[in-house]
């Protein structure tokens, strides 16, 4: 099943994946296989039809769009668990199997098979994840499937620039969320791994339009370019500022940001603050520490303030929150802000519930949107990093 599917996939477009999966699944004794992918905001699971469009019904007449909250498939997605929809032990039934690329949750596989084929179902789901990831970047069908409404041009640009929302290794897990997903303009996040260092960054450009998106995109691109040349954190932000001024002029467009390096072996976090909200550390699942560091001016204003490099020794299990003001300043109908305390308390409570980091962020964004009646007036972005430490070498999503 796996070798045949892998060989056939090299000259396959995304639309052909469902047919190939169904054809080769039969070699392992599996019955009908349906591929459901999560939408951009992780609210629904949608059937990948192979026809380049969203279907209304699946092959058995069931709805092809399933809510992540309130369905068995959605529960499997949230908890990354294999769940039996119907059938009895030892007999054929319908199973929901998470589709994971590493720890990035792509969707769910619905497989008709006896329980004895669990290993084959998991292996098939893993290969399907790799196929989807390898095909999605050049597939408009994928983009249409995972969008529930039209996307603004600025958001189109930002999402193309962003890394995956989830990454995990034995030392750490990183998860991000960015809203409003279809109208985001000036927010951006970034991360990358180089040896035992995780590079982290969050950016908030002035404005909420295409110009803000261009500013944020240039800041992220400049940051990556400098970083890949071995530039240190402080110098990196100074070079980004020069790039912004050369492009837009002095004090015309500016970006606030936190750039940080986390040594995944020692747990030492090093960061600089360019006019941004300070990072927050959740420690022991009970209390928080705001990482105070003298901020320099936002990049692009050329005020000449010195850039200070600060350090913090993390403890195993610490969660570091980088966020933009759209999270804390979101207001309800009465005008009351969501607030930093409410934001941190939400993370702490859901940490106590034992939820994986990506699921905690998914629920946080749902809570922020509900608090604001489903519409945010500003971009809201979170980058959450959990350092496991040498005593906690485990994956959060297993």
Protein backbone atom coordinates (compact mmCIF):
# COMPACT_ATOMS: atom_id res chain seq x y z
CA UNK A 1 0.00 0.00 0.00
CA UNK A 2 2.60 2.55 1.10
CA UNK A 3 5.27 1.88 -1.50
CA UNK A 4 2.75 1.83 -4.34
CA UNK A 5 1.10 5.05 -3.19
CA UNK A 6 4.44 6.77 -2.68
CA UNK A 7 5.67 5.82 -6.15
CA UNK A 8 2.41 6.90 -7.81
CA UNK A 9 2.43 10.24 -5.98
CA UNK A 10 5.46 11.73 -7.74
CA UNK A 11 3.43 12.72 -10.81
CA UNK A 12 0.18 13.39 -8.95
CA UNK A 13 -1.72 16.63 -8.36
CA UNK A 14 -3.68 17.19 -5.16
CA UNK A 15 -6.98 16.44 -6.93
CA UNK A 16 -5.75 12.92 -7.71
CA UNK A 17 -4.72 12.06 -4.14
CA UNK A 18 -8.16 10.82 -2.92
CA UNK A 19 -8.45 8.38 -5.82
CA UNK A 20 -4.92 7.06 -5.39
CA UNK A 21 -5.38 6.67 -1.64
CA UNK A 22 -8.57 4.68 -2.10
CA UNK A 23 -6.99 2.49 -4.76
CA UNK A 24 -3.88 1.62 -2.75
CA UNK A 25 -5.65 1.31 0.62
CA UNK A 26 -7.32 -1.85 -0.70
CA UNK A 27 -3.90 -3.57 -0.82
CA UNK A 28 -3.77 -3.41 2.99
CA UNK A 29 -7.32 -4.66 3.48
CA UNK A 30 -8.78 -1.21 4.13
CA UNK A 31 -12.20 -0.25 2.82
CA UNK A 32 -13.46 3.19 1.86
CA UNK A 33 -11.07 6.04 2.73
CA UNK A 34 -12.18 9.68 2.86
CA UNK A 35 -9.84 12.63 3.45
CA UNK A 36 -11.15 15.56 5.51
CA UNK A 37 -8.98 18.68 5.84
CA UNK A 38 -9.30 21.46 8.43
CA UNK A 39 -10.14 24.97 7.28
CA UNK A 40 -7.83 27.91 7.86
CA UNK A 41 -9.41 28.83 11.20
CA UNK A 42 -9.78 25.20 12.30
CA UNK A 43 -13.54 25.43 12.71
CA UNK A 44 -14.62 22.73 10.24
CA UNK A 45 -13.32 19.62 8.47
CA UNK A 46 -13.97 19.53 4.72
CA UNK A 47 -13.96 16.57 2.38
CA UNK A 48 -11.21 16.52 -0.24
CA UNK A 49 -13.20 15.38 -3.27
CA UNK A 50 -10.58 15.26 -5.98
CA UNK A 51 -12.76 17.48 -8.17
CA UNK A 52 -11.17 20.80 -7.24
CA UNK A 53 -14.25 22.03 -5.43
CA UNK A 54 -16.13 21.65 -2.16
CA UNK A 55 -18.73 18.86 -2.18
CA UNK A 56 -22.05 18.99 -0.34
CA UNK A 57 -22.24 15.27 0.41
CA UNK A 58 -19.74 12.46 0.69
CA UNK A 59 -20.01 9.12 -1.09
CA UNK A 60 -22.47 7.81 1.51
CA UNK A 61 -24.68 10.89 1.49
CA UNK A 62 -23.31 12.28 4.75
CA UNK A 63 -22.48 16.02 5.02
CA UNK A 64 -18.97 16.66 3.76
CA UNK A 65 -18.39 19.57 6.16
CA UNK A 66 -18.07 18.60 9.82
CA UNK A 67 -17.76 20.98 12.74
CA UNK A 68 -14.60 20.56 14.80
CA UNK A 69 -16.57 21.47 17.91
CA UNK A 70 -19.39 19.02 18.51
CA UNK A 71 -18.58 16.05 16.24
CA UNK A 72 -16.69 12.82 16.80
CA UNK A 73 -14.33 13.65 13.94
CA UNK A 74 -13.70 17.06 15.50
CA UNK A 75 -13.00 15.50 18.87
CA UNK A 76 -10.40 13.25 17.26
CA UNK A 77 -8.87 16.33 15.64
CA UNK A 78 -8.75 18.28 18.91
CA UNK A 79 -7.25 15.43 20.91
CA UNK A 80 -5.26 13.86 18.04
CA UNK A 81 -6.84 10.50 18.83
CA UNK A 82 -8.05 7.58 16.72
CA UNK A 83 -11.78 7.16 17.37
CA UNK A 84 -14.32 4.55 16.28
CA UNK A 85 -17.49 6.05 14.80
CA UNK A 86 -19.46 2.83 14.47
CA UNK A 87 -18.82 -0.89 14.44
CA UNK A 88 -17.69 -3.44 17.01
CA UNK A 89 -14.30 -4.63 18.15
CA UNK A 90 -12.84 -7.12 15.70
CA UNK A 91 -15.38 -6.24 13.03
CA UNK A 92 -15.43 -3.71 10.25
CA UNK A 93 -16.25 -0.17 11.34
CA UNK A 94 -15.59 3.45 10.47
CA UNK A 95 -12.56 4.97 12.12
CA UNK A 96 -11.40 8.57 12.41
CA UNK A 97 -7.62 8.84 12.20
CA UNK A 98 -5.71 12.15 12.65
CA UNK A 99 -3.76 13.38 9.63
CA UNK A 100 -0.56 14.81 11.11
CA UNK A 101 2.52 16.24 9.45
CA UNK A 102 4.84 15.91 12.41
CA UNK A 103 2.54 17.64 14.88
CA UNK A 104 0.73 19.96 12.46
CA UNK A 105 -2.93 18.93 12.44
CA UNK A 106 -4.09 18.83 8.83
CA UNK A 107 -7.38 16.99 9.22
CA UNK A 108 -8.88 13.55 9.70
CA UNK A 109 -8.97 10.33 7.68
CA UNK A 110 -12.21 8.32 7.73
CA UNK A 111 -11.40 4.67 7.12
CA UNK A 112 -13.66 1.62 6.93
CA UNK A 113 -11.67 -1.25 8.42
CA UNK A 114 -11.51 -3.81 11.25
CA UNK A 115 -9.69 -2.85 14.43
CA UNK A 116 -6.84 -5.17 13.54
CA UNK A 117 -5.74 -2.77 10.81
CA UNK A 118 -4.89 0.06 13.20
CA UNK A 119 -1.21 0.10 12.21
CA UNK A 120 -2.08 0.26 8.52
CA UNK A 121 -4.58 3.11 9.12
CA UNK A 122 -2.05 5.16 11.06
CA UNK A 123 0.63 4.58 8.43
CA UNK A 124 -1.74 5.58 5.65
CA UNK A 125 -2.74 8.77 7.51
CA UNK A 126 0.95 9.68 7.91
CA UNK A 127 1.64 9.26 4.21
CA UNK A 128 -1.51 11.20 3.29
CA UNK A 129 -0.22 14.06 5.46
CA UNK A 130 3.07 14.12 3.59
CA UNK A 131 1.27 14.05 0.25
CA UNK A 132 -1.04 16.92 1.19
CA UNK A 133 1.85 19.06 2.47
CA UNK A 134 3.90 18.40 -0.68
CA UNK A 135 1.01 19.30 -3.01
CA UNK A 136 -0.80 22.15 -1.24
CA UNK A 137 1.68 24.95 -1.91
CA UNK A 138 0.94 24.89 -5.64
CA UNK A 139 -2.75 23.96 -5.43
CA UNK A 140 -5.56 26.49 -5.74
CA UNK A 141 -7.96 23.63 -5.03
CA UNK A 142 -6.44 23.28 -1.57
CA UNK A 143 -6.69 27.03 -0.95
CA UNK A 144 -10.36 27.05 -1.98
CA UNK A 145 -11.15 24.01 0.15
CA UNK A 146 -9.71 25.37 3.39
CA UNK A 147 -11.26 28.84 3.06
CA UNK A 148 -14.78 29.51 4.23
CA UNK A 149 -14.99 33.00 2.71
CA UNK A 150 -13.03 35.31 0.38
CA UNK A 151 -9.62 36.47 1.55
CA UNK A 152 -8.27 40.02 1.34
CA UNK A 153 -5.12 40.67 -0.70
CA UNK A 154 -3.07 41.63 2.37
CA UNK A 155 -4.03 38.39 4.12
CA UNK A 156 -3.18 36.40 0.98
CA UNK A 157 0.30 37.88 1.15
CA UNK A 158 0.75 37.33 4.87
CA UNK A 159 -0.34 33.69 4.93
CA UNK A 160 1.99 32.86 2.06
CA UNK A 161 4.86 34.23 4.13
CA UNK A 162 4.06 32.47 7.41
CA UNK A 163 5.62 29.16 8.52
CA UNK A 164 3.27 26.30 9.56
CA UNK A 165 1.12 27.00 12.61
CA UNK A 166 2.68 24.10 14.54
CA UNK A 167 6.14 22.66 15.07
CA UNK A 168 7.40 20.22 17.68
CA UNK A 169 10.57 18.39 18.61
CA UNK A 170 11.60 16.45 21.68
CA UNK A 171 12.83 19.71 23.25
CA UNK A 172 9.98 22.08 22.46
CA UNK A 173 6.68 22.79 20.77
CA UNK A 174 5.74 25.98 18.91
CA UNK A 175 2.21 26.99 17.97
CA UNK A 176 0.81 30.15 16.43
CA UNK A 177 -2.56 31.72 15.65
CA UNK A 178 -3.34 34.78 13.54
CA UNK A 179 -6.70 36.54 13.22
CA UNK A 180 -8.76 37.86 11.54
CA UNK A 181 -7.58 35.08 9.21
CA UNK A 182 -9.16 36.52 6.07
CA UNK A 183 -8.45 40.21 6.72
CA UNK A 184 -5.13 40.19 8.60
CA UNK A 185 -2.92 43.07 7.51
CA UNK A 186 0.05 44.15 9.59
CA UNK A 187 0.70 41.22 11.93
CA UNK A 188 3.21 38.44 11.29
CA UNK A 189 5.04 35.73 13.20
CA UNK A 190 8.13 33.73 12.38
CA UNK A 191 10.19 30.86 13.72
CA UNK A 192 13.03 28.66 12.49
CA UNK A 193 15.34 26.02 13.93
CA UNK A 194 19.12 26.04 13.52
CA UNK A 195 20.91 23.34 15.48
CA UNK A 196 20.03 23.77 19.15
CA UNK A 197 18.62 27.30 18.70
CA UNK A 198 15.02 28.20 17.96
CA UNK A 199 14.62 31.64 16.40
CA UNK A 200 11.31 33.30 17.33
CA UNK A 201 9.72 36.54 16.20
CA UNK A 202 6.48 38.46 16.26
CA UNK A 203 5.80 41.64 14.27
CA UNK A 204 3.10 44.33 14.29
CA UNK A 205 3.23 46.88 11.47
CA UNK A 206 1.46 50.23 11.61
CA UNK A 207 -1.98 50.09 10.01
CA UNK A 208 -4.36 47.39 8.89
CA UNK A 209 -4.21 47.39 5.11
CA UNK A 210 -2.13 46.23 2.17
CA UNK A 211 0.57 48.79 3.02
CA UNK A 212 0.79 47.36 6.53
CA UNK A 213 1.07 43.89 5.04
CA UNK A 214 3.90 45.01 2.78
CA UNK A 215 5.68 46.58 5.74
CA UNK A 216 5.35 43.45 7.88
CA UNK A 217 6.39 41.21 4.98
CA UNK A 218 9.51 43.28 4.36
CA UNK A 219 10.39 43.19 8.06
CA UNK A 220 10.05 39.40 8.21
CA UNK A 221 12.02 38.89 4.98
CA UNK A 222 14.76 41.22 6.20
CA UNK A 223 14.90 39.47 9.55
CA UNK A 224 15.25 36.05 7.90
CA UNK A 225 17.89 37.30 5.49
CA UNK A 226 19.99 38.81 8.26
CA UNK A 227 19.54 35.81 10.55
CA UNK A 228 20.68 33.39 7.85
CA UNK A 229 23.88 35.40 7.52
CA UNK A 230 24.63 34.86 11.20
CA UNK A 231 23.69 38.36 12.40
CA UNK A 232 22.95 38.74 16.13
CA UNK A 233 19.55 39.86 17.44
CA UNK A 234 20.32 43.53 18.07
CA UNK A 235 22.11 44.02 14.76
CA UNK A 236 19.33 42.20 12.97
CA UNK A 237 16.71 44.70 14.14
CA UNK A 238 18.97 47.62 13.19
CA UNK A 239 19.41 46.21 9.70
CA UNK A 240 15.66 45.65 9.37
CA UNK A 241 15.10 49.27 10.32
CA UNK A 242 17.52 50.44 7.60
CA UNK A 243 15.70 48.28 5.07
CA UNK A 244 12.33 49.78 6.03
CA UNK A 245 13.67 53.35 5.85
CA UNK A 246 15.32 52.73 2.48
CA UNK A 247 12.02 51.44 1.12
CA UNK A 248 9.43 53.68 2.77
CA UNK A 249 11.36 56.68 4.07
CA UNK A 250 12.11 57.82 7.61
CA UNK A 251 9.19 57.53 10.10
CA UNK A 252 6.71 56.72 7.32
CA UNK A 253 6.11 53.02 8.04
CA UNK A 254 7.21 51.29 11.23
CA UNK A 255 7.03 47.87 12.90
CA UNK A 256 7.11 46.83 16.54
CA UNK A 257 8.62 43.42 17.21
CA UNK A 258 10.10 40.92 19.61
CA UNK A 259 12.99 38.86 18.26
CA UNK A 260 14.21 35.99 20.43
CA UNK A 261 16.58 33.02 20.42
CA UNK A 262 15.84 29.99 22.60
CA UNK A 263 18.67 27.56 23.29
CA UNK A 264 16.72 24.31 23.34
CA UNK A 265 19.50 22.52 25.25
CA UNK A 266 20.05 24.99 28.09
CA UNK A 267 16.69 26.78 28.13
CA UNK A 268 18.29 30.24 27.93
CA UNK A 269 15.98 32.72 26.18
CA UNK A 270 17.65 35.77 24.64
CA UNK A 271 15.52 38.56 23.19
CA UNK A 272 15.27 42.19 22.12
CA UNK A 273 12.21 44.43 22.28
CA UNK A 274 11.53 46.94 19.50
CA UNK A 275 8.62 48.88 21.00
CA UNK A 276 6.46 45.79 21.51
CA UNK A 277 4.50 44.24 24.39
CA UNK A 278 6.92 42.25 26.58
CA UNK A 279 6.86 38.44 26.45
CA UNK A 280 5.02 36.55 29.16
CA UNK A 281 6.20 33.30 30.75
CA UNK A 282 3.73 30.84 32.29
CA UNK A 283 5.60 28.78 34.86
CA UNK A 284 4.33 25.75 36.71
CA UNK A 285 0.90 26.25 35.20
CA UNK A 286 0.08 28.63 38.04
CA UNK A 287 1.83 31.98 37.78
CA UNK A 288 3.33 34.26 35.21
CA UNK A 289 6.41 36.38 34.71
CA UNK A 290 6.53 39.38 32.37
CA UNK A 291 9.97 39.50 30.79
CA UNK A 292 10.94 43.11 31.24
CA UNK A 293 13.60 44.42 28.89
CA UNK A 294 14.28 48.06 28.06
CA UNK A 295 12.54 48.56 24.70
CA UNK A 296 14.09 50.37 21.79
CA UNK A 297 11.94 52.36 19.38
CA UNK A 298 9.84 50.59 16.71
CA UNK A 299 11.82 49.68 13.61
CA UNK A 300 11.47 52.42 11.02
CA UNK A 301 11.25 55.47 13.29
CA UNK A 302 15.03 56.01 13.47
CA UNK A 303 14.95 57.53 16.96
CA UNK A 304 18.45 56.33 17.81
CA UNK A 305 17.52 54.53 21.05
CA UNK A 306 19.95 51.75 22.04
CA UNK A 307 18.89 48.14 21.49
CA UNK A 308 19.16 46.12 24.71
CA UNK A 309 19.70 42.35 24.67
CA UNK A 310 18.10 40.54 27.62
CA UNK A 311 18.25 36.95 28.88
CA UNK A 312 16.04 34.66 30.96
CA UNK A 313 16.71 31.13 32.19
CA UNK A 314 13.60 29.08 31.48
CA UNK A 315 12.52 26.12 33.57
CA UNK A 316 11.27 22.84 32.07
CA UNK A 317 7.62 23.19 31.12
CA UNK A 318 7.71 26.99 30.79
CA UNK A 319 5.47 28.48 28.12
CA UNK A 320 6.59 31.73 26.49
CA UNK A 321 3.87 33.94 25.00
CA UNK A 322 4.57 36.49 22.29
CA UNK A 323 1.47 38.41 21.23
CA UNK A 324 0.19 41.54 19.49
CA UNK A 325 -2.18 44.09 20.98
CA UNK A 326 -5.16 42.77 19.02
CA UNK A 327 -5.37 39.90 21.50
CA UNK A 328 -5.47 41.96 24.69
CA UNK A 329 -7.24 45.03 23.31
CA UNK A 330 -10.17 43.19 21.68
CA UNK A 331 -13.34 44.70 23.15
CA UNK A 332 -16.77 43.30 23.87
CA UNK A 333 -20.01 45.14 23.00
CA UNK A 334 -19.79 47.19 26.20
CA UNK A 335 -16.26 48.35 25.33
CA UNK A 336 -14.41 46.27 27.91
CA UNK A 337 -11.03 44.94 26.76
CA UNK A 338 -10.24 41.23 26.71
CA UNK A 339 -7.12 42.19 28.67
CA UNK A 340 -3.77 40.61 29.47
CA UNK A 341 -5.02 38.96 32.66
CA UNK A 342 -7.90 37.25 30.89
CA UNK A 343 -5.55 36.17 28.10
CA UNK A 344 -2.96 34.63 30.43
CA UNK A 345 -5.62 33.08 32.68
CA UNK A 346 -7.14 31.35 29.65
CA UNK A 347 -3.78 29.77 28.78
CA UNK A 348 -3.21 28.69 32.40
CA UNK A 349 -6.65 27.10 32.75
CA UNK A 350 -6.33 25.15 29.53
CA UNK A 351 -2.80 24.10 30.42
CA UNK A 352 -4.27 22.58 33.58
CA UNK A 353 -6.77 20.72 31.40
CA UNK A 354 -3.85 18.96 29.71
CA UNK A 355 -4.64 20.27 26.23
CA UNK A 356 -1.90 20.29 23.58
CA UNK A 357 -0.45 23.72 22.83
CA UNK A 358 -2.06 24.02 19.35
CA UNK A 359 -5.50 23.14 20.71
CA UNK A 360 -5.10 25.66 23.54
CA UNK A 361 -4.44 28.39 20.96
CA UNK A 362 -7.33 27.28 18.77
CA UNK A 363 -9.71 27.63 21.72
CA UNK A 364 -8.13 30.93 22.76
CA UNK A 365 -8.82 32.45 19.35
CA UNK A 366 -12.41 31.16 19.45
CA UNK A 367 -12.80 32.84 22.87
CA UNK A 368 -11.33 36.15 21.66
CA UNK A 369 -13.60 36.16 18.59
CA UNK A 370 -16.68 35.37 20.68
CA UNK A 371 -15.74 38.16 23.11
CA UNK A 372 -15.67 40.53 20.13
CA UNK A 373 -18.87 39.17 18.55
CA UNK A 374 -16.93 37.38 15.85
CA UNK A 375 -15.27 40.48 14.35
CA UNK A 376 -11.90 41.92 15.34
CA UNK A 377 -11.04 45.54 14.62
CA UNK A 378 -7.30 44.86 14.80
CA UNK A 379 -4.97 41.99 13.97
CA UNK A 380 -4.51 39.50 16.81
CA UNK A 381 -1.53 37.15 16.74
CA UNK A 382 -0.02 34.76 19.29
CA UNK A 383 3.20 32.75 19.15
CA UNK A 384 3.38 30.26 22.03
CA UNK A 385 6.53 28.24 22.74
CA UNK A 386 6.78 25.48 25.35
CA UNK A 387 10.24 24.34 26.38
CA UNK A 388 10.25 20.78 27.65
CA UNK A 389 13.74 20.67 29.05
CA UNK A 390 16.04 17.68 29.18
CA UNK A 391 13.88 16.01 31.84
CA UNK A 392 10.75 16.19 29.72
CA UNK A 393 11.75 14.85 26.31
CA UNK A 394 8.31 14.16 24.94
CA UNK A 395 6.05 15.33 22.14
CA UNK A 396 2.98 17.29 23.13
CA UNK A 397 0.91 15.79 20.30
CA UNK A 398 1.12 11.99 20.45
